[in-house]
Amino acid sequence: MTRGLALWVLALLLAFLLPGAPRSHPLGSFPWLTALQVLVLLLAMALLALFLTGWLGPKLGHGRALALWEAIPDLLWGGLALALWPAAWGPPAFTTLAMAFLLAALPGELRWLAQTLPEEFPVPAAWGREATCLSRRMALRHLAPRWLGARLPLWLTATLVLERLLGIRGPGSDWMMRVAFRDRVGMGLWLLGFASLWALFQREKA
């Protein structure tokens, strides 16, 4: 915990010591609505990943179906959403395409969770289905905070690709703009937000 906090403090210092003068450019307000949509979708994906991992167990990480799902290129999901979207409805919303890209990211998260679960043979499988499910729930209860704390900041800024494709401003493009224009206060607030999420999940893990 102490080392992690020291790293976040170091990241804050580096953000304020970043070379280059601030550029006079109107950055605008933070895209709260888009960030809220992204956060809801990410939490929904996290809950789905935890549910599927708890239901299928460690064997999910070695399944052929997951490997086939994971082999599909990310952009193909976006193209599929565009192809199936009725033209009479107009262009698809940001949330629709975000869901398509999250479906592309889901198998990798499922594999990480499944492969970190403890083995179930010979025990607790020998004690029956109820004992096996209890073992999975206990393992996921300890894994989930660490997994979310490590992945959520990455997911929030990984939406940059989708934002660039659609020409909208979201969490990813907001972060990149503040780095590009040397908005040190904005970068500091971003890092404080990430550090707060990390500390929250560390507390839950403890």
C-alpha atoms as a PDB file:
ATOM      1  CA  MET A   1       0.000   0.000   0.000  1.00  0.00           C
ATOM      2  CA  THR A   2       2.793   2.425   0.955  1.00  0.00           C
ATOM      3  CA  ARG A   3       4.782   1.688  -2.209  1.00  0.00           C
ATOM      4  CA  GLY A   4       1.680   2.166  -4.331  1.00  0.00           C
ATOM      5  CA  LEU A   5       0.948   5.547  -2.773  1.00  0.00           C
ATOM      6  CA  ALA A   6       4.561   6.559  -3.301  1.00  0.00           C
ATOM      7  CA  LEU A   7       4.240   5.727  -7.006  1.00  0.00           C
ATOM      8  CA  TRP A   8       1.081   7.824  -7.318  1.00  0.00           C
ATOM      9  CA  VAL A   9       2.798  10.748  -5.605  1.00  0.00           C
ATOM     10  CA  LEU A  10       5.715  10.331  -8.024  1.00  0.00           C
ATOM     11  CA  ALA A  11       3.277  10.343 -10.961  1.00  0.00           C
ATOM     12  CA  LEU A  12       1.750  13.593  -9.687  1.00  0.00           C
ATOM     13  CA  LEU A  13       5.189  15.185  -9.394  1.00  0.00           C
ATOM     14  CA  LEU A  14       6.089  14.088 -12.924  1.00  0.00           C
ATOM     15  CA  ALA A  15       2.814  15.549 -14.242  1.00  0.00           C
ATOM     16  CA  PHE A  16       3.619  18.949 -12.722  1.00  0.00           C
ATOM     17  CA  LEU A  17       7.264  18.770 -13.796  1.00  0.00           C
ATOM     18  CA  LEU A  18       6.424  17.796 -17.378  1.00  0.00           C
ATOM     19  CA  PRO A  19       8.600  19.913 -19.690  1.00  0.00           C
ATOM     20  CA  GLY A  20       6.974  22.451 -21.947  1.00  0.00           C
ATOM     21  CA  ALA A  21       4.924  25.583 -21.399  1.00  0.00           C
ATOM     22  CA  PRO A  22       1.124  25.410 -21.162  1.00  0.00           C
ATOM     23  CA  ARG A  23      -0.581  26.223 -24.458  1.00  0.00           C
ATOM     24  CA  SER A  24      -3.382  28.746 -24.533  1.00  0.00           C
ATOM     25  CA  HIS A  25      -6.170  26.637 -25.950  1.00  0.00           C
ATOM     26  CA  PRO A  26      -9.758  26.332 -24.677  1.00  0.00           C
ATOM     27  CA  LEU A  27     -10.039  22.774 -23.438  1.00  0.00           C
ATOM     28  CA  GLY A  28     -13.698  23.088 -22.534  1.00  0.00           C
ATOM     29  CA  SER A  29     -15.494  21.329 -19.738  1.00  0.00           C
ATOM     30  CA  PHE A  30     -15.017  17.701 -18.794  1.00  0.00           C
ATOM     31  CA  PRO A  31     -17.280  15.290 -20.787  1.00  0.00           C
ATOM     32  CA  TRP A  32     -19.238  14.076 -17.777  1.00  0.00           C
ATOM     33  CA  LEU A  33     -22.085  12.469 -19.747  1.00  0.00           C
ATOM     34  CA  THR A  34     -19.789  10.416 -21.979  1.00  0.00           C
ATOM     35  CA  ALA A  35     -17.631   9.448 -18.999  1.00  0.00           C
ATOM     36  CA  LEU A  36     -20.730   8.290 -17.100  1.00  0.00           C
ATOM     37  CA  GLN A  37     -21.868   6.189 -20.072  1.00  0.00           C
ATOM     38  CA  VAL A  38     -18.428   4.604 -20.358  1.00  0.00           C
ATOM     39  CA  LEU A  39     -18.274   3.906 -16.627  1.00  0.00           C
ATOM     40  CA  VAL A  40     -21.702   2.218 -16.614  1.00  0.00           C
ATOM     41  CA  LEU A  41     -20.742   0.043 -19.603  1.00  0.00           C
ATOM     42  CA  LEU A  42     -17.425  -0.905 -18.018  1.00  0.00           C
ATOM     43  CA  LEU A  43     -19.066  -1.872 -14.739  1.00  0.00           C
ATOM     44  CA  ALA A  44     -21.649  -3.926 -16.660  1.00  0.00           C
ATOM     45  CA  MET A  45     -18.822  -5.727 -18.478  1.00  0.00           C
ATOM     46  CA  ALA A  46     -17.018  -6.314 -15.177  1.00  0.00           C
ATOM     47  CA  LEU A  47     -20.129  -7.824 -13.597  1.00  0.00           C
ATOM     48  CA  LEU A  48     -20.684 -10.033 -16.652  1.00  0.00           C
ATOM     49  CA  ALA A  49     -17.060 -11.199 -16.563  1.00  0.00           C
ATOM     50  CA  LEU A  50     -17.262 -12.044 -12.858  1.00  0.00           C
ATOM     51  CA  PHE A  51     -20.580 -13.869 -13.357  1.00  0.00           C
ATOM     52  CA  LEU A  52     -19.311 -15.991 -16.252  1.00  0.00           C
ATOM     53  CA  THR A  53     -16.073 -16.799 -14.460  1.00  0.00           C
ATOM     54  CA  GLY A  54     -17.923 -17.794 -11.304  1.00  0.00           C
ATOM     55  CA  TRP A  55     -20.315 -19.939 -13.309  1.00  0.00           C
ATOM     56  CA  LEU A  56     -17.820 -21.749 -15.566  1.00  0.00           C
ATOM     57  CA  GLY A  57     -14.748 -21.759 -13.340  1.00  0.00           C
ATOM     58  CA  PRO A  58     -11.069 -22.278 -14.268  1.00  0.00           C
ATOM     59  CA  LYS A  59     -11.918 -24.425 -17.305  1.00  0.00           C
ATOM     60  CA  LEU A  60     -13.136 -21.250 -19.020  1.00  0.00           C
ATOM     61  CA  GLY A  61      -9.549 -20.078 -19.447  1.00  0.00           C
ATOM     62  CA  HIS A  62      -8.630 -23.183 -21.477  1.00  0.00           C
ATOM     63  CA  GLY A  63     -11.783 -23.480 -23.576  1.00  0.00           C
ATOM     64  CA  ARG A  64     -11.688 -23.500 -27.370  1.00  0.00           C
ATOM     65  CA  ALA A  65     -14.769 -21.282 -27.596  1.00  0.00           C
ATOM     66  CA  LEU A  66     -13.027 -18.500 -25.680  1.00  0.00           C
ATOM     67  CA  ALA A  67      -9.974 -18.783 -27.937  1.00  0.00           C
ATOM     68  CA  LEU A  68     -12.157 -18.439 -31.037  1.00  0.00           C
ATOM     69  CA  TRP A  69     -13.944 -15.442 -29.516  1.00  0.00           C
ATOM     70  CA  GLU A  70     -10.631 -13.847 -28.632  1.00  0.00           C
ATOM     71  CA  ALA A  71      -9.273 -14.350 -32.167  1.00  0.00           C
ATOM     72  CA  ILE A  72     -11.898 -12.065 -33.736  1.00  0.00           C
ATOM     73  CA  PRO A  73     -10.327  -8.644 -34.556  1.00  0.00           C
ATOM     74  CA  ASP A  74     -11.618  -5.786 -32.417  1.00  0.00           C
ATOM     75  CA  LEU A  75     -12.670  -3.629 -35.359  1.00  0.00           C
ATOM     76  CA  LEU A  76     -14.801  -6.491 -36.725  1.00  0.00           C
ATOM     77  CA  TRP A  77     -17.181  -6.065 -33.782  1.00  0.00           C
ATOM     78  CA  GLY A  78     -17.612  -2.398 -34.626  1.00  0.00           C
ATOM     79  CA  GLY A  79     -18.178  -3.264 -38.287  1.00  0.00           C
ATOM     80  CA  LEU A  80     -20.736  -5.883 -37.308  1.00  0.00           C
ATOM     81  CA  ALA A  81     -22.603  -3.340 -35.194  1.00  0.00           C
ATOM     82  CA  LEU A  82     -22.646  -0.923 -38.133  1.00  0.00           C
ATOM     83  CA  ALA A  83     -23.815  -3.650 -40.533  1.00  0.00           C
ATOM     84  CA  LEU A  84     -26.679  -4.803 -38.314  1.00  0.00           C
ATOM     85  CA  TRP A  85     -27.783  -1.311 -37.268  1.00  0.00           C
ATOM     86  CA  PRO A  86     -31.044  -0.356 -39.078  1.00  0.00           C
ATOM     87  CA  ALA A  87     -30.482   2.599 -41.413  1.00  0.00           C
ATOM     88  CA  ALA A  88     -33.858   4.074 -40.449  1.00  0.00           C
ATOM     89  CA  TRP A  89     -32.566   4.647 -36.912  1.00  0.00           C
ATOM     90  CA  GLY A  90     -29.807   6.973 -38.071  1.00  0.00           C
ATOM     91  CA  PRO A  91     -26.140   6.529 -37.075  1.00  0.00           C
ATOM     92  CA  PRO A  92     -25.494   4.277 -34.073  1.00  0.00           C
ATOM     93  CA  ALA A  93     -24.975   5.962 -30.745  1.00  0.00           C
ATOM     94  CA  PHE A  94     -21.686   6.003 -28.871  1.00  0.00           C
ATOM     95  CA  THR A  95     -22.978   3.455 -26.353  1.00  0.00           C
ATOM     96  CA  THR A  96     -23.812   0.955 -29.124  1.00  0.00           C
ATOM     97  CA  LEU A  97     -20.312   0.995 -30.596  1.00  0.00           C
ATOM     98  CA  ALA A  98     -18.776   1.041 -27.122  1.00  0.00           C
ATOM     99  CA  MET A  99     -20.659  -2.153 -26.293  1.00  0.00           C
ATOM    100  CA  ALA A 100     -19.291  -3.756 -29.474  1.00  0.00           C
ATOM    101  CA  PHE A 101     -15.712  -2.897 -28.512  1.00  0.00           C
ATOM    102  CA  LEU A 102     -16.277  -4.108 -24.952  1.00  0.00           C
ATOM    103  CA  LEU A 103     -17.467  -7.444 -26.339  1.00  0.00           C
ATOM    104  CA  ALA A 104     -14.107  -7.644 -28.083  1.00  0.00           C
ATOM    105  CA  ALA A 105     -12.291  -6.953 -24.795  1.00  0.00           C
ATOM    106  CA  LEU A 106     -14.385  -9.351 -22.706  1.00  0.00           C
ATOM    107  CA  PRO A 107     -12.663 -12.663 -23.634  1.00  0.00           C
ATOM    108  CA  GLY A 108      -9.257 -11.376 -22.551  1.00  0.00           C
ATOM    109  CA  GLU A 109     -10.648 -10.372 -19.167  1.00  0.00           C
ATOM    110  CA  LEU A 110     -12.418 -13.726 -18.824  1.00  0.00           C
ATOM    111  CA  ARG A 111      -9.182 -15.558 -19.538  1.00  0.00           C
ATOM    112  CA  TRP A 112      -7.274 -13.502 -16.932  1.00  0.00           C
ATOM    113  CA  LEU A 113      -9.875 -14.156 -14.253  1.00  0.00           C
ATOM    114  CA  ALA A 114     -10.293 -17.843 -15.071  1.00  0.00           C
ATOM    115  CA  GLN A 115      -6.579 -18.569 -15.094  1.00  0.00           C
ATOM    116  CA  THR A 116      -6.081 -16.917 -11.706  1.00  0.00           C
ATOM    117  CA  LEU A 117      -8.695 -19.097 -10.023  1.00  0.00           C
ATOM    118  CA  PRO A 118      -7.284 -21.972  -7.931  1.00  0.00           C
ATOM    119  CA  GLU A 119      -7.484 -25.506  -9.276  1.00  0.00           C
ATOM    120  CA  GLU A 120     -10.626 -27.430  -8.333  1.00  0.00           C
ATOM    121  CA  PHE A 121      -9.411 -31.028  -8.738  1.00  0.00           C
ATOM    122  CA  PRO A 122      -9.349 -33.097  -6.664  1.00  0.00           C
ATOM    123  CA  VAL A 123     -10.741 -30.655  -4.111  1.00  0.00           C
ATOM    124  CA  PRO A 124     -13.112 -28.884  -3.780  1.00  0.00           C
ATOM    125  CA  ALA A 125     -14.646 -30.742  -6.749  1.00  0.00           C
ATOM    126  CA  ALA A 126     -14.700 -33.942  -4.679  1.00  0.00           C
ATOM    127  CA  TRP A 127     -16.933 -32.210  -2.112  1.00  0.00           C
ATOM    128  CA  GLY A 128     -19.654 -31.399  -4.601  1.00  0.00           C
ATOM    129  CA  ARG A 129     -21.006 -28.540  -6.660  1.00  0.00           C
ATOM    130  CA  GLU A 130     -21.894 -26.368  -3.661  1.00  0.00           C
ATOM    131  CA  ALA A 131     -18.360 -26.470  -2.263  1.00  0.00           C
ATOM    132  CA  THR A 132     -16.936 -25.724  -5.703  1.00  0.00           C
ATOM    133  CA  CYS A 133     -19.176 -22.675  -6.161  1.00  0.00           C
ATOM    134  CA  LEU A 134     -18.291 -21.449  -2.685  1.00  0.00           C
ATOM    135  CA  SER A 135     -14.575 -21.758  -3.485  1.00  0.00           C
ATOM    136  CA  ARG A 136     -15.051 -19.765  -6.703  1.00  0.00           C
ATOM    137  CA  ARG A 137     -16.993 -17.016  -4.935  1.00  0.00           C
ATOM    138  CA  MET A 138     -14.346 -16.681  -2.242  1.00  0.00           C
ATOM    139  CA  ALA A 139     -11.549 -16.548  -4.814  1.00  0.00           C
ATOM    140  CA  LEU A 140     -13.340 -13.970  -6.964  1.00  0.00           C
ATOM    141  CA  ARG A 141     -14.095 -11.857  -3.890  1.00  0.00           C
ATOM    142  CA  HIS A 142     -10.351 -11.504  -3.343  1.00  0.00           C
ATOM    143  CA  LEU A 143      -9.450 -11.189  -7.033  1.00  0.00           C
ATOM    144  CA  ALA A 144     -12.108  -8.674  -8.103  1.00  0.00           C
ATOM    145  CA  PRO A 145     -10.739  -5.575  -6.283  1.00  0.00           C
ATOM    146  CA  ARG A 146      -7.213  -6.177  -7.579  1.00  0.00           C
ATOM    147  CA  TRP A 147      -8.503  -6.822 -11.099  1.00  0.00           C
ATOM    148  CA  LEU A 148     -10.758  -3.754 -11.156  1.00  0.00           C
ATOM    149  CA  GLY A 149      -8.112  -1.520  -9.636  1.00  0.00           C
ATOM    150  CA  ALA A 150      -5.620  -2.553 -12.313  1.00  0.00           C
ATOM    151  CA  ARG A 151      -7.954  -2.502 -15.310  1.00  0.00           C
ATOM    152  CA  LEU A 152     -10.438   0.322 -14.751  1.00  0.00           C
ATOM    153  CA  PRO A 153      -7.998   3.214 -15.402  1.00  0.00           C
ATOM    154  CA  LEU A 154      -6.814   1.442 -18.556  1.00  0.00           C
ATOM    155  CA  TRP A 155     -10.385   0.862 -19.785  1.00  0.00           C
ATOM    156  CA  LEU A 156     -11.349   4.483 -19.175  1.00  0.00           C
ATOM    157  CA  THR A 157      -8.516   5.845 -21.299  1.00  0.00           C
ATOM    158  CA  ALA A 158      -8.706   3.040 -23.902  1.00  0.00           C
ATOM    159  CA  THR A 159     -11.938   4.544 -25.197  1.00  0.00           C
ATOM    160  CA  LEU A 160      -9.709   7.064 -27.023  1.00  0.00           C
ATOM    161  CA  VAL A 161      -9.753   4.946 -30.206  1.00  0.00           C
ATOM    162  CA  LEU A 162     -13.541   4.864 -30.289  1.00  0.00           C
ATOM    163  CA  GLU A 163     -13.777   8.578 -29.544  1.00  0.00           C
ATOM    164  CA  ARG A 164     -11.431   9.376 -32.437  1.00  0.00           C
ATOM    165  CA  LEU A 165     -13.452   7.189 -34.795  1.00  0.00           C
ATOM    166  CA  LEU A 166     -16.715   8.905 -33.871  1.00  0.00           C
ATOM    167  CA  GLY A 167     -15.295  12.398 -33.520  1.00  0.00           C
ATOM    168  CA  ILE A 168     -16.593  12.938 -29.993  1.00  0.00           C
ATOM    169  CA  ARG A 169     -14.895  13.980 -26.792  1.00  0.00           C
ATOM    170  CA  GLY A 170     -14.734  11.456 -24.003  1.00  0.00           C
ATOM    171  CA  PRO A 171     -12.457  10.427 -21.130  1.00  0.00           C
ATOM    172  CA  GLY A 172      -9.636   9.209 -23.369  1.00  0.00           C
ATOM    173  CA  SER A 173      -9.476  12.291 -25.592  1.00  0.00           C
ATOM    174  CA  ASP A 174      -9.824  14.586 -22.562  1.00  0.00           C
ATOM    175  CA  TRP A 175      -6.744  13.006 -20.974  1.00  0.00           C
ATOM    176  CA  MET A 176      -4.741  13.226 -24.203  1.00  0.00           C
ATOM    177  CA  MET A 177      -5.696  16.878 -24.736  1.00  0.00           C
ATOM    178  CA  ARG A 178      -4.595  17.808 -21.245  1.00  0.00           C
ATOM    179  CA  VAL A 179      -1.244  16.080 -21.800  1.00  0.00           C
ATOM    180  CA  ALA A 180      -0.780  17.689 -25.223  1.00  0.00           C
ATOM    181  CA  PHE A 181      -1.591  21.205 -23.965  1.00  0.00           C
ATOM    182  CA  ARG A 182       0.346  20.755 -20.710  1.00  0.00           C
ATOM    183  CA  ASP A 183      -2.707  21.301 -18.511  1.00  0.00           C
ATOM    184  CA  ARG A 184      -0.910  20.254 -15.346  1.00  0.00           C
ATOM    185  CA  VAL A 185      -3.883  20.887 -13.056  1.00  0.00           C
ATOM    186  CA  GLY A 186      -6.122  18.751 -15.272  1.00  0.00           C
ATOM    187  CA  MET A 187      -3.544  15.954 -15.384  1.00  0.00           C
ATOM    188  CA  GLY A 188      -3.212  16.173 -11.624  1.00  0.00           C
ATOM    189  CA  LEU A 189      -6.961  15.790 -11.181  1.00  0.00           C
ATOM    190  CA  TRP A 190      -6.947  12.772 -13.494  1.00  0.00           C
ATOM    191  CA  LEU A 191      -4.142  11.152 -11.528  1.00  0.00           C
ATOM    192  CA  LEU A 192      -5.865  11.923  -8.227  1.00  0.00           C
ATOM    193  CA  GLY A 193      -8.987  10.219  -9.571  1.00  0.00           C
ATOM    194  CA  PHE A 194      -7.012   7.149 -10.605  1.00  0.00           C
ATOM    195  CA  ALA A 195      -5.204   7.093  -7.266  1.00  0.00           C
ATOM    196  CA  SER A 196      -8.520   7.328  -5.413  1.00  0.00           C
ATOM    197  CA  LEU A 197      -9.896   4.368  -7.370  1.00  0.00           C
ATOM    198  CA  TRP A 198      -6.735   2.402  -6.678  1.00  0.00           C
ATOM    199  CA  ALA A 199      -6.865   3.194  -2.941  1.00  0.00           C
ATOM    200  CA  LEU A 200     -10.560   2.252  -2.789  1.00  0.00           C
ATOM    201  CA  PHE A 201      -9.926  -1.141  -4.353  1.00  0.00           C
ATOM    202  CA  GLN A 202      -6.880  -1.707  -2.161  1.00  0.00           C
ATOM    203  CA  ARG A 203      -9.056  -1.037   0.882  1.00  0.00           C
ATOM    204  CA  GLU A 204     -11.688  -3.465  -0.380  1.00  0.00           C
ATOM    205  CA  LYS A 205      -9.015  -6.066  -0.996  1.00  0.00           C
ATOM    206  CA  ALA A 206      -7.722  -5.670   2.553  1.00  0.00           C
END
